[in-house]
Protein backbone atom coordinates (compact mmCIF):
# COMPACT_ATOMS: atom_id res chain seq x y z
CA MET A 1 32.38 50.34 -22.69
CA THR A 2 31.92 53.33 -20.40
CA VAL A 3 28.57 54.58 -19.11
CA GLN A 4 28.84 57.63 -21.35
CA THR A 5 29.47 55.51 -24.47
CA TRP A 6 26.52 53.25 -23.65
CA THR A 7 24.37 56.34 -23.04
CA TYR A 8 25.24 57.82 -26.42
CA ILE A 9 24.38 54.49 -28.08
CA LEU A 10 21.06 53.85 -26.29
CA VAL A 11 19.86 57.47 -26.32
CA GLY A 12 20.91 57.77 -29.97
CA ILE A 13 18.98 54.62 -30.93
CA THR A 14 15.83 55.69 -29.06
CA PHE A 15 15.93 59.23 -30.47
CA ALA A 16 16.38 57.87 -33.99
CA LEU A 17 13.37 55.60 -33.37
CA TYR A 18 11.20 58.51 -32.18
CA ILE A 19 12.16 60.70 -35.15
CA GLY A 20 11.63 57.83 -37.59
CA ILE A 21 8.14 57.19 -36.21
CA ALA A 22 7.33 60.93 -36.45
CA ILE A 23 8.34 61.00 -40.13
CA TRP A 24 6.39 57.79 -40.87
CA SER A 25 3.23 59.01 -39.10
CA ARG A 26 3.27 62.73 -39.90
CA ALA A 27 -0.13 64.42 -39.73
CA GLY A 28 -1.78 65.53 -42.95
CA SER A 29 -5.03 66.91 -41.50
CA THR A 30 -6.23 68.68 -38.36
CA LYS A 31 -8.01 65.49 -37.22
CA GLU A 32 -4.73 63.56 -37.46
CA PHE A 33 -2.90 66.42 -35.74
CA TYR A 34 -5.38 66.69 -32.84
CA VAL A 35 -6.64 63.11 -32.32
CA ALA A 36 -4.52 60.89 -34.62
CA GLY A 37 -7.44 60.54 -37.03
CA GLY A 38 -9.52 58.78 -34.35
CA GLY A 39 -8.35 55.34 -35.49
CA VAL A 40 -5.81 54.17 -32.89
CA SER A 41 -6.26 50.62 -31.52
CA PRO A 42 -7.11 50.21 -27.79
CA LEU A 43 -3.75 48.49 -27.06
CA ALA A 44 -1.68 51.19 -28.78
CA ASN A 45 -3.75 53.89 -27.13
CA GLY A 46 -3.38 52.20 -23.74
CA MET A 47 0.41 52.14 -24.12
CA ALA A 48 0.46 55.73 -25.38
CA THR A 49 -1.77 56.85 -22.49
CA ALA A 50 0.51 55.12 -19.99
CA ALA A 51 3.57 56.88 -21.47
CA ASP A 52 1.71 60.20 -21.56
CA TRP A 53 0.69 59.70 -17.95
CA MET A 54 4.05 58.49 -16.60
CA SER A 55 6.02 61.67 -16.87
CA ALA A 56 9.43 62.63 -15.52
CA ALA A 57 7.65 63.08 -12.19
CA SER A 58 6.64 59.40 -12.19
CA PHE A 59 9.89 58.00 -13.56
CA ILE A 60 12.50 60.31 -12.01
CA SER A 61 10.94 62.16 -9.13
CA MET A 62 8.26 60.06 -7.44
CA ALA A 63 10.62 57.38 -6.10
CA GLY A 64 13.00 60.22 -5.18
CA ILE A 65 10.34 61.88 -3.06
CA ILE A 66 9.40 58.57 -1.43
CA SER A 67 13.07 57.80 -0.72
CA PHE A 68 13.39 61.04 1.27
CA ALA A 69 9.85 61.41 2.67
CA GLY A 70 9.22 57.71 3.33
CA TYR A 71 5.64 57.06 4.38
CA ASP A 72 4.67 60.66 3.60
CA GLY A 73 5.58 60.16 -0.05
CA SER A 74 2.77 57.62 -0.43
CA VAL A 75 0.36 60.48 -1.14
CA TYR A 76 1.77 60.67 -4.68
CA LEU A 77 1.17 56.97 -5.26
CA MET A 78 -2.38 57.07 -3.92
CA GLY A 79 -3.33 60.33 -5.56
CA TRP A 80 -1.96 59.71 -9.05
CA THR A 81 -3.12 56.08 -9.27
CA GLY A 82 -6.54 56.78 -7.78
CA GLY A 83 -6.93 59.78 -10.04
CA TYR A 84 -6.41 57.72 -13.14
CA VAL A 85 -9.12 55.28 -12.01
CA LEU A 86 -11.44 58.24 -11.38
CA LEU A 87 -10.76 59.62 -14.86
CA ALA A 88 -11.16 56.28 -16.63
CA LEU A 89 -14.41 55.31 -14.91
CA LEU A 90 -16.13 58.62 -14.20
CA LEU A 91 -15.31 60.98 -17.05
CA ALA A 92 -13.53 59.47 -20.08
CA PRO A 93 -16.46 57.55 -21.68
CA TYR A 94 -18.82 60.55 -21.41
CA LEU A 95 -16.29 63.02 -22.77
CA ARG A 96 -15.56 60.61 -25.64
CA LYS A 97 -19.27 60.35 -26.45
CA PHE A 98 -19.57 64.15 -26.47
CA GLY A 99 -17.03 64.03 -29.30
CA LYS A 100 -14.89 67.14 -28.81
CA PHE A 101 -11.15 67.34 -29.46
CA THR A 102 -10.17 69.33 -26.36
CA VAL A 103 -11.34 70.15 -22.84
CA PRO A 104 -11.89 73.86 -23.72
CA ASP A 105 -13.95 72.67 -26.71
CA PHE A 106 -16.14 70.56 -24.39
CA ILE A 107 -16.55 73.40 -21.91
CA GLY A 108 -17.22 75.98 -24.66
CA ASP A 109 -19.98 73.87 -26.27
CA ARG A 110 -21.44 72.41 -23.05
CA TYR A 111 -21.71 75.87 -21.52
CA TYR A 112 -22.76 77.48 -24.85
CA SER A 113 -20.31 80.33 -24.39
CA ASN A 114 -17.07 81.58 -25.90
CA SER A 115 -16.36 83.24 -22.54
CA ALA A 116 -16.37 79.78 -20.92
CA ARG A 117 -14.12 78.56 -23.74
CA MET A 118 -11.65 81.42 -23.17
CA VAL A 119 -11.48 80.77 -19.42
CA ALA A 120 -10.92 77.05 -20.13
CA VAL A 121 -8.15 77.86 -22.63
CA PHE A 122 -6.42 80.05 -20.01
CA CYS A 123 -6.67 77.24 -17.44
CA ALA A 124 -5.43 74.63 -19.96
CA LEU A 125 -2.42 76.76 -20.85
CA LEU A 126 -1.60 77.45 -17.19
CA VAL A 127 -1.87 73.77 -16.20
CA SER A 128 0.09 72.58 -19.23
CA PHE A 129 2.94 75.08 -18.91
CA THR A 130 3.25 74.35 -15.17
CA TYR A 131 3.36 70.63 -15.92
CA VAL A 132 5.75 70.87 -18.87
CA ALA A 133 8.23 72.87 -16.78
CA GLY A 134 8.80 69.73 -14.69
CA GLN A 135 9.33 67.61 -17.80
CA MET A 136 11.95 69.92 -19.29
CA ARG A 137 13.83 70.00 -15.97
CA GLY A 138 13.81 66.19 -16.04
CA VAL A 139 15.32 66.24 -19.54
CA GLY A 140 18.02 68.66 -18.36
CA LEU A 141 18.84 66.44 -15.35
CA VAL A 142 19.41 63.35 -17.49
CA PHE A 143 21.50 65.13 -20.11
CA SER A 144 23.63 66.96 -17.55
CA ARG A 145 24.77 63.76 -15.85
CA PHE A 146 24.90 61.07 -18.49
CA LEU A 147 25.95 63.07 -21.54
CA GLU A 148 27.99 65.38 -19.30
CA VAL A 149 26.65 68.59 -20.77
CA ASP A 150 25.30 71.65 -18.98
CA ILE A 151 21.67 71.30 -17.77
CA ASN A 152 20.65 74.23 -19.99
CA THR A 153 22.23 72.58 -23.03
CA GLY A 154 20.37 69.37 -22.18
CA VAL A 155 17.06 71.25 -22.07
CA VAL A 156 17.76 72.79 -25.50
CA ILE A 157 18.54 69.35 -27.01
CA GLY A 158 15.30 67.99 -25.54
CA MET A 159 13.39 70.97 -26.96
CA VAL A 160 14.67 70.29 -30.48
CA ILE A 161 13.75 66.58 -30.34
CA VAL A 162 10.25 67.07 -28.93
CA LEU A 163 9.60 69.98 -31.30
CA PHE A 164 10.46 67.80 -34.28
CA TYR A 165 8.03 64.99 -33.63
CA ALA A 166 5.28 67.04 -31.94
CA VAL A 167 5.14 69.68 -34.69
CA LEU A 168 5.57 67.24 -37.59
CA GLY A 169 3.42 64.37 -36.43
CA GLY A 170 0.88 66.00 -34.12
CA MET A 171 -1.17 63.51 -32.09
CA LYS A 172 -0.66 60.83 -34.75
CA GLY A 173 3.13 61.06 -34.48
CA ILE A 174 3.01 61.51 -30.70
CA THR A 175 0.76 58.45 -30.21
CA TYR A 176 3.03 55.97 -31.97
CA THR A 177 6.14 57.61 -30.52
CA GLN A 178 4.62 57.19 -27.05
CA VAL A 179 4.06 53.47 -27.69
CA ALA A 180 7.82 53.14 -28.25
CA GLN A 181 8.54 55.41 -25.27
CA TYR A 182 6.40 53.28 -22.96
CA CYS A 183 8.42 50.20 -23.90
CA VAL A 184 11.69 52.07 -23.27
CA LEU A 185 10.70 53.66 -19.97
CA ILE A 186 9.13 50.57 -18.38
CA PHE A 187 12.10 48.39 -19.37
CA ALA A 188 14.49 51.06 -18.08
CA PHE A 189 12.67 51.33 -14.75
CA MET A 190 12.19 47.63 -14.07
CA VAL A 191 15.56 46.14 -15.17
CA PRO A 192 17.66 47.96 -12.51
CA ALA A 193 14.88 47.44 -9.95
CA ILE A 194 15.04 43.67 -10.52
CA PHE A 195 18.87 43.68 -10.45
CA ILE A 196 18.99 45.58 -7.14
CA SER A 197 16.16 43.54 -5.57
CA ILE A 198 18.12 40.34 -6.25
CA GLN A 199 21.33 41.99 -5.02
CA MET A 200 19.82 43.23 -1.72
CA THR A 201 17.21 40.60 -0.85
CA GLY A 202 17.59 37.67 -3.26
CA ASN A 203 14.02 38.24 -4.46
CA PRO A 204 13.69 39.00 -8.21
CA ILE A 205 10.33 40.79 -7.77
CA PRO A 206 11.02 44.34 -6.47
CA GLN A 207 7.50 44.76 -5.06
CA LEU A 208 8.11 41.70 -2.84
CA GLY A 209 11.80 42.40 -2.29
CA MET A 210 10.95 45.61 -0.43
CA GLY A 211 9.23 43.53 2.28
CA SER A 212 11.84 40.75 2.36
CA THR A 213 14.84 40.14 4.62
CA VAL A 214 18.25 41.54 3.71
CA ASN A 215 20.44 39.18 1.71
CA ASP A 216 23.25 39.07 4.32
CA GLY A 217 22.14 36.23 6.60
CA SER A 218 21.13 38.59 9.42
CA GLY A 219 17.40 37.87 9.10
CA VAL A 220 16.65 41.62 9.36
CA TYR A 221 13.86 42.92 7.16
CA LEU A 222 14.94 45.58 4.68
CA LEU A 223 12.43 48.16 5.92
CA ASP A 224 13.51 47.56 9.54
CA LYS A 225 17.11 48.08 8.49
CA LEU A 226 16.22 51.34 6.75
CA ASP A 227 14.27 52.53 9.79
CA GLY A 228 17.37 51.87 11.91
CA LEU A 229 19.71 53.65 9.49
CA SER A 230 17.36 56.65 9.34
CA THR A 231 16.90 57.07 13.10
CA ALA A 232 20.65 56.62 13.73
CA LEU A 233 21.23 59.71 11.56
CA GLY A 234 18.48 61.70 13.29
CA PHE A 235 15.87 61.36 10.51
CA ASN A 236 12.30 60.20 11.13
CA GLU A 237 11.60 56.48 10.89
CA TYR A 238 11.16 55.74 7.19
CA THR A 239 7.90 53.85 7.76
CA ASN A 240 6.33 56.57 9.95
CA GLY A 241 4.78 59.72 8.52
CA SER A 242 5.14 63.28 9.80
CA LYS A 243 2.47 64.99 7.68
CA SER A 244 -0.86 65.83 9.30
CA THR A 245 -3.82 63.64 8.35
CA ILE A 246 -5.65 66.57 6.78
CA ASP A 247 -2.67 67.45 4.56
CA VAL A 248 -2.26 63.83 3.44
CA PHE A 249 -5.96 63.72 2.58
CA ALA A 250 -5.85 67.09 0.80
CA ILE A 251 -2.79 66.25 -1.33
CA THR A 252 -4.17 62.83 -2.26
CA MET A 253 -7.55 64.30 -3.21
CA ALA A 254 -5.97 67.19 -5.16
CA LEU A 255 -3.83 64.76 -7.14
CA MET A 256 -6.83 62.49 -7.80
CA VAL A 257 -9.26 65.13 -9.03
CA GLY A 258 -6.44 66.99 -10.75
CA THR A 259 -5.72 63.85 -12.75
CA ALA A 260 -9.34 63.69 -13.82
CA GLY A 261 -9.06 67.26 -15.11
CA LEU A 262 -5.74 66.99 -16.95
CA PRO A 263 -6.34 68.00 -20.57
CA HIS A 264 -3.41 66.06 -22.06
CA VAL A 265 -4.67 62.77 -20.59
CA ILE A 266 -8.34 63.40 -21.44
CA VAL A 267 -7.55 64.05 -25.12
CA ARG A 268 -6.12 60.53 -25.44
CA PHE A 269 -9.64 59.10 -25.24
CA PHE A 270 -10.57 60.82 -28.51
CA THR A 271 -7.92 58.96 -30.52
CA VAL A 272 -9.86 55.65 -30.64
CA LYS A 273 -12.79 54.75 -32.91
CA ARG A 274 -15.50 53.95 -30.37
CA VAL A 275 -16.52 54.71 -26.79
CA LYS A 276 -15.99 51.05 -25.81
CA ASP A 277 -12.44 51.32 -27.19
CA ALA A 278 -11.90 54.29 -24.88
CA ARG A 279 -12.91 52.10 -21.95
CA LYS A 280 -10.65 49.25 -23.09
CA SER A 281 -7.64 51.52 -23.56
CA ALA A 282 -8.25 53.09 -20.12
CA GLY A 283 -8.19 49.64 -18.49
CA LEU A 284 -5.08 48.58 -20.37
CA ALA A 285 -3.32 51.84 -19.49
CA LEU A 286 -4.11 51.28 -15.80
CA LEU A 287 -2.48 47.83 -15.88
CA LEU A 288 0.57 49.19 -17.71
CA ILE A 289 0.88 52.12 -15.29
CA ALA A 290 0.59 49.80 -12.26
CA ILE A 291 3.82 48.02 -13.23
CA LEU A 292 5.85 51.16 -12.52
CA TYR A 293 3.72 52.52 -9.68
CA THR A 294 3.86 49.34 -7.61
CA ALA A 295 7.63 49.13 -8.13
CA ALA A 296 8.37 52.79 -7.24
CA PRO A 297 8.22 52.33 -3.41
CA ALA A 298 10.68 49.42 -3.72
CA VAL A 299 13.07 51.48 -5.86
CA ALA A 300 12.84 54.25 -3.26
CA VAL A 301 13.75 51.87 -0.42
CA PHE A 302 16.66 50.35 -2.36
CA ALA A 303 18.01 53.79 -3.33
CA ARG A 304 17.73 55.28 0.17
CA THR A 305 19.37 52.27 1.84
CA ASN A 306 22.24 52.16 -0.66
CA MET A 307 22.75 55.94 -0.48
CA ILE A 308 23.04 55.98 3.32
CA ASN A 309 25.35 52.94 3.37
CA THR A 310 27.56 54.42 0.63
CA VAL A 311 28.01 58.01 1.84
CA SER A 312 27.39 58.22 5.58
CA ASN A 313 30.61 58.79 7.57
CA GLN A 314 32.75 57.75 4.59
CA GLU A 315 36.03 59.35 3.56
CA TYR A 316 35.33 61.91 0.86
CA ALA A 317 38.60 61.06 -0.90
CA ASP A 318 37.49 57.42 -1.23
CA MET A 319 34.07 58.11 -2.73
CA PRO A 320 33.31 56.20 -5.96
CA ASP A 321 33.40 57.76 -9.41
CA TRP A 322 29.61 58.25 -9.64
CA PHE A 323 29.70 60.64 -6.65
CA THR A 324 32.17 63.07 -8.22
CA LYS A 325 30.31 63.00 -11.55
CA TRP A 326 27.04 63.92 -9.87
CA GLU A 327 28.91 66.65 -7.97
CA LYS A 328 29.77 68.26 -11.31
CA THR A 329 26.04 68.68 -11.99
CA LYS A 330 25.70 70.44 -8.60
CA LEU A 331 22.90 68.04 -7.68
CA ILE A 332 25.08 66.57 -4.92
CA LYS A 333 27.04 69.00 -2.74
CA PHE A 334 29.58 68.22 -0.01
CA ASP A 335 30.61 70.91 2.47
CA ASP A 336 33.25 69.67 4.94
CA LYS A 337 32.14 71.77 7.92
CA ASN A 338 34.39 70.11 10.54
CA GLY A 339 37.36 69.60 8.20
CA ASP A 340 37.81 65.89 8.98
CA GLY A 341 37.48 64.75 5.35
CA LYS A 342 34.51 62.51 6.19
CA ILE A 343 30.94 62.97 4.95
CA GLN A 344 28.58 63.71 7.81
CA TYR A 345 25.09 62.97 6.48
CA VAL A 346 22.69 63.73 9.34
CA ALA A 347 19.27 65.32 9.93
CA ASP A 348 20.75 68.19 12.00
CA LYS A 349 21.18 70.98 9.44
CA THR A 350 23.93 72.66 11.44
CA LYS A 351 26.07 69.50 11.24
CA ASN A 352 24.93 68.01 7.93
CA GLU A 353 27.60 68.22 5.20
CA LEU A 354 25.80 66.55 2.28
CA THR A 355 23.01 67.96 0.13
CA VAL A 356 21.33 65.52 -2.27
CA ASP A 357 18.77 66.62 -4.85
CA ARG A 358 15.94 64.09 -4.54
CA ASP A 359 15.44 64.08 -8.32
CA ILE A 360 18.69 62.13 -8.79
CA MET A 361 17.77 59.11 -6.68
CA VAL A 362 16.31 56.96 -9.49
CA LEU A 363 18.97 58.04 -11.98
CA ALA A 364 21.87 57.46 -9.56
CA ASN A 365 20.44 54.26 -8.06
CA PRO A 366 22.06 51.81 -10.56
CA GLU A 367 25.41 53.59 -10.17
CA ILE A 368 25.25 53.46 -6.38
CA ALA A 369 24.46 49.73 -6.61
CA ASP A 370 27.41 49.28 -9.02
CA LEU A 371 25.29 47.76 -11.80
CA PRO A 372 26.67 47.24 -15.34
CA ALA A 373 27.24 50.34 -17.49
CA TRP A 374 24.50 49.41 -19.99
CA VAL A 375 21.90 49.31 -17.18
CA ILE A 376 22.94 52.78 -15.99
CA ALA A 377 22.67 54.09 -19.56
CA LEU A 378 19.29 52.39 -19.97
CA VAL A 379 17.91 54.40 -17.04
CA ALA A 380 19.05 57.60 -18.76
CA ALA A 381 17.18 56.60 -21.94
CA GLY A 382 14.10 55.74 -19.85
CA GLY A 383 14.15 59.08 -18.03
CA LEU A 384 14.29 60.91 -21.36
CA ALA A 385 11.45 58.77 -22.76
CA ALA A 386 9.24 59.57 -19.76
CA ALA A 387 9.93 63.31 -19.88
CA LEU A 388 9.64 63.67 -23.65
CA SER A 389 6.45 61.59 -23.98
CA THR A 390 4.54 63.77 -21.51
CA ALA A 391 6.09 66.99 -22.80
CA ALA A 392 4.86 66.13 -26.31
CA GLY A 393 1.31 65.47 -25.07
CA LEU A 394 1.27 68.76 -23.16
CA LEU A 395 2.60 70.72 -26.14
CA LEU A 396 -0.19 69.29 -28.26
CA VAL A 397 -2.76 70.49 -25.71
CA ILE A 398 -1.20 73.95 -25.79
CA SER A 399 -1.15 74.11 -29.60
CA ALA A 400 -4.74 72.79 -29.88
CA SER A 401 -5.96 75.29 -27.28
CA VAL A 402 -4.51 78.14 -29.32
CA SER A 403 -5.26 76.99 -32.89
CA HIS A 404 -8.56 75.14 -32.42
CA ASP A 405 -10.18 76.75 -29.38
CA LEU A 406 -9.00 80.33 -29.79
CA ILE A 407 -8.28 80.95 -33.47
CA LYS A 408 -10.87 78.67 -35.13
CA LYS A 409 -13.67 78.85 -32.56
CA VAL A 410 -13.34 82.49 -31.44
CA PHE A 411 -11.19 84.80 -33.56
CA LYS A 412 -11.25 83.35 -37.10
CA PRO A 413 -14.05 80.80 -37.60
CA GLY A 414 -13.56 80.77 -41.38
CA ILE A 415 -9.92 79.63 -41.27
CA SER A 416 -9.09 76.80 -43.68
CA GLU A 417 -8.00 73.37 -42.42
CA LYS A 418 -4.52 73.98 -43.81
CA GLY A 419 -4.36 77.36 -42.07
CA GLU A 420 -5.48 75.82 -38.78
CA LEU A 421 -2.84 73.10 -39.12
CA TRP A 422 -0.12 75.71 -39.63
CA ALA A 423 -1.46 77.70 -36.67
CA ALA A 424 -1.29 74.55 -34.52
CA ARG A 425 2.32 73.94 -35.54
CA GLY A 426 3.24 77.57 -34.92
CA ALA A 427 1.64 77.45 -31.45
CA ALA A 428 3.54 74.24 -30.66
CA THR A 429 6.81 75.91 -31.66
CA VAL A 430 6.20 78.91 -29.39
CA ALA A 431 5.11 76.54 -26.60
CA VAL A 432 8.36 74.55 -26.86
CA ILE A 433 10.40 77.74 -26.52
CA ILE A 434 8.44 78.83 -23.42
CA ALA A 435 8.67 75.30 -21.97
CA GLY A 436 12.43 75.38 -22.53
CA TYR A 437 12.65 78.63 -20.58
CA PHE A 438 10.85 77.01 -17.65
CA GLY A 439 13.15 74.00 -17.91
CA ILE A 440 16.20 76.27 -17.66
CA ASN A 441 14.63 78.33 -14.85
CA PRO A 442 12.54 75.73 -13.00
CA PRO A 443 10.35 76.76 -10.04
CA GLY A 444 11.26 73.66 -8.02
CA PHE A 445 12.04 69.94 -8.20
CA VAL A 446 10.11 67.95 -10.77
CA ALA A 447 7.38 66.30 -8.69
CA ALA A 448 6.59 69.47 -6.73
CA VAL A 449 6.09 71.45 -9.92
CA VAL A 450 3.91 68.69 -11.37
CA ALA A 451 1.87 68.45 -8.15
CA LEU A 452 1.05 72.15 -8.48
CA ALA A 453 -0.20 71.52 -12.03
CA PHE A 454 -2.58 68.89 -10.65
CA GLY A 455 -3.80 71.38 -8.03
CA LEU A 456 -4.49 73.93 -10.76
CA ALA A 457 -6.41 71.31 -12.81
CA ALA A 458 -8.42 70.31 -9.74
CA ALA A 459 -9.26 73.93 -8.94
CA SER A 460 -10.41 74.79 -12.45
CA PHE A 461 -11.48 71.90 -14.71
CA PHE A 462 -12.77 69.12 -12.48
CA PRO A 463 -15.94 70.83 -11.17
CA ALA A 464 -16.81 72.24 -14.61
CA ILE A 465 -16.41 68.82 -16.27
CA VAL A 466 -18.28 66.85 -13.56
CA LEU A 467 -21.18 69.32 -13.36
CA GLY A 468 -21.22 69.54 -17.16
CA ILE A 469 -21.71 65.78 -17.46
CA PHE A 470 -23.87 64.93 -14.44
CA TYR A 471 -25.95 68.06 -13.81
CA LYS A 472 -27.88 69.09 -16.90
CA LYS A 473 -29.14 72.31 -15.29
CA MET A 474 -25.64 73.65 -14.72
CA ASN A 475 -25.38 76.92 -16.63
CA LYS A 476 -22.59 79.00 -18.14
CA GLU A 477 -22.67 81.72 -15.45
CA GLY A 478 -22.10 79.21 -12.65
CA ALA A 479 -19.37 77.29 -14.49
CA ILE A 480 -17.44 80.41 -15.56
CA THR A 481 -17.59 82.02 -12.12
CA GLY A 482 -16.57 78.76 -10.42
CA MET A 483 -13.56 78.27 -12.72
CA VAL A 484 -12.39 81.86 -12.32
CA VAL A 485 -12.72 81.81 -8.52
CA GLY A 486 -11.14 78.34 -8.20
CA ILE A 487 -8.10 79.01 -10.38
CA SER A 488 -7.58 82.49 -8.87
CA LEU A 489 -7.62 81.11 -5.34
CA MET A 490 -5.14 78.36 -6.27
CA ILE A 491 -2.78 80.83 -8.00
CA PHE A 492 -2.89 83.14 -4.96
CA TYR A 493 -2.08 80.27 -2.58
CA ILE A 494 0.83 79.03 -4.72
CA LEU A 495 2.29 82.53 -5.04
CA LYS A 496 1.95 83.16 -1.31
CA PHE A 497 3.17 79.87 0.17
CA LYS A 498 5.40 78.47 -2.59
CA PHE A 499 7.13 81.64 -3.77
CA GLY A 500 6.51 84.06 -0.89
CA VAL A 501 5.28 86.73 -3.32
CA PHE A 502 3.25 88.51 -0.65
CA ASP A 503 5.70 87.89 2.20
CA GLY A 504 9.16 88.96 1.08
CA GLY A 505 10.11 86.41 -1.59
CA LYS A 506 11.53 82.88 -1.54
CA ASP A 507 13.57 83.48 1.63
CA ALA A 508 10.30 83.79 3.55
CA VAL A 509 8.75 80.55 2.24
CA ALA A 510 10.26 78.22 4.87
CA GLY A 511 8.81 80.32 7.68
CA LEU A 512 5.34 80.39 6.11
CA THR A 513 4.65 76.68 6.62
CA LYS A 514 3.04 77.30 10.00
CA ASP A 515 0.66 79.79 8.39
CA TRP A 516 -0.82 77.32 5.85
CA TRP A 517 -4.58 77.63 5.76
CA PHE A 518 -6.18 74.67 7.60
CA GLY A 519 -2.67 73.17 7.80
CA ILE A 520 -2.77 72.30 4.08
CA SER A 521 0.34 72.60 1.88
CA PRO A 522 0.27 74.26 -1.58
CA GLU A 523 0.40 70.77 -3.19
CA GLY A 524 -2.88 69.90 -1.42
CA PHE A 525 -4.70 73.20 -1.63
CA GLY A 526 -6.26 72.25 -4.97
CA THR A 527 -8.79 70.27 -2.87
CA ILE A 528 -9.98 73.42 -1.10
CA ALA A 529 -10.00 75.46 -4.32
CA MET A 530 -12.01 72.69 -6.00
CA LEU A 531 -14.63 72.69 -3.22
CA VAL A 532 -14.87 76.48 -3.47
CA ASN A 533 -15.34 76.12 -7.25
CA PHE A 534 -18.21 73.66 -6.75
CA ALA A 535 -19.85 75.87 -4.12
CA VAL A 536 -19.55 79.09 -6.15
CA SER A 537 -20.86 77.36 -9.31
CA ILE A 538 -23.97 76.04 -7.56
CA ILE A 539 -24.65 79.30 -5.70
CA VAL A 540 -24.40 81.42 -8.88
CA LEU A 541 -26.65 78.90 -10.67
CA GLN A 542 -29.47 79.71 -8.24
CA PHE A 543 -29.56 83.36 -9.32
CA THR A 544 -29.07 82.95 -13.09
CA PRO A 545 -31.12 81.46 -15.98
CA PRO A 546 -30.97 77.70 -16.65
CA PRO A 547 -29.21 76.44 -19.82
CA PRO A 548 -31.18 76.13 -23.07
CA GLU A 549 -33.29 72.97 -23.56
CA LYS A 550 -31.03 71.89 -26.45
CA VAL A 551 -27.99 71.85 -24.18
CA GLN A 552 -29.87 69.88 -21.52
CA GLU A 553 -30.86 67.33 -24.17
CA ILE A 554 -27.18 66.94 -25.22
CA VAL A 555 -26.23 66.28 -21.59
CA GLU A 556 -29.00 63.67 -21.31
CA ASP A 557 -27.78 62.09 -24.55
CA ILE A 558 -24.13 61.64 -23.51
CA ARG A 559 -25.24 59.81 -20.35
CA ILE A 560 -27.37 57.24 -22.20
CA PRO A 561 -25.48 53.94 -22.65
CA SER A 562 -27.52 52.77 -25.67
CA GLY A 563 -25.51 53.10 -28.85
CA ALA A 564 -22.39 53.88 -26.82
CA GLY A 565 -20.42 51.49 -28.98
CA GLU A 566 -20.31 54.00 -31.80
CA ALA A 567 -18.44 57.27 -32.00
CA ILE A 568 -20.72 60.30 -32.12
CA ASP A 569 -19.56 63.29 -34.10
CA HIS A 570 -20.99 66.72 -33.53
């Protein structure tokens, strides 16, 4: 069977599974819609958290970035993995003990202010929409190549699927769908990685294959071979970085603290019965996430080596079928500048004839390696599982922010449970439509967009959450001012250096790199904005009244381990 036939079969089966689970586990109450009724087992929650966490950026784009950036791409591995550890150990148990459905709910109650709640809702919506834009682009990428439809059509199909199970099932439906999606995405990522590792190095473990010798009898290590291929074409050595130390540190830190402030990951810790179950599921999720994250650098090395060997200085007319199919998506472009019919793939932009979108590297990798059609189709199903699982979690955050934190807590406190449930579903529907727009008109490649979402979370939520848990004297004036200043500074920096809003538009962006403040890229500026948030919060605290005694007692209570085995409802 052809790749397309296999893709229809595997994607069809997985979609039917997701929809079936959504119908079976549809939400009948707001508690089921927001936190799956609070009765999910630690193992199921760990798998769901891993799927929620491993988005299209992790599955599709991270290895793609590493394959092009080499050593510099390691910031995504360090930041995202370290951030999850930070969230699981530092924040999750305390937030679970506080007992609120959403991050804006925590901030609104901890800082005894609807103004704080409103600012948190704005930040949650901004972070979630920025993040979901990357997921919808990932969906469009997969559909455009493997089902051979237009990217925009692919985004619309993805919107319909995610809308169905997010709106019908809420967190209950999403949780059990994400368990299935984790199984699909991890299988889809690891099977081709194992195939290619055996093919290139003879080692069946990709994480070890990356550091092994090439399977051609030469005795050359794979990374040494890739370094040689890269330098011969004028690129930097793959194993040497070009980013400044301060930018590497800033991006890693922004991704770490941004992770700890991501509302769609935090809410997962409210779906289990007890605080100790939250800890268990966090540990399980970390192990499940590590399978993909430790394999991603190997996949990047395999993909980059195969890509260079396949395309560099080859006759365009002799290129394999996968190349022309990716050309139709416009994610690979060949411009024969010297008219010799050969592909010149070099670092010199004046001579380079090949443009490759880095987001295709994982998806195209099995095709480049000439793996069986079912493996290629499996990767397509895995990419869709990764994108849709995270998109669903983000849409739930958006709908809960609107229905629970705005409508119920601010504008219409007397709303019935049924009315709130309908409001949540209506908000999710509107959110899917907006997310689809961003998927059709994306602001950049998947991982870059997602990295900006982490920067926004770092700039806004992280200081407010940390100070709210560990500093009982932190007051509403300090927290609100810090969040507003932090998020505003981050938005300004993104608009200036990512979109050139203040400097003549996108055409000016490339020339603005040298003007980065402190030499820090937009992806890393969340670190600076976070530090400013902390500083502003503490300074304002000195000139404003302390929080009420009752609030300080609540903060003391959530930090006391005794009785932490039981869920506490407020």
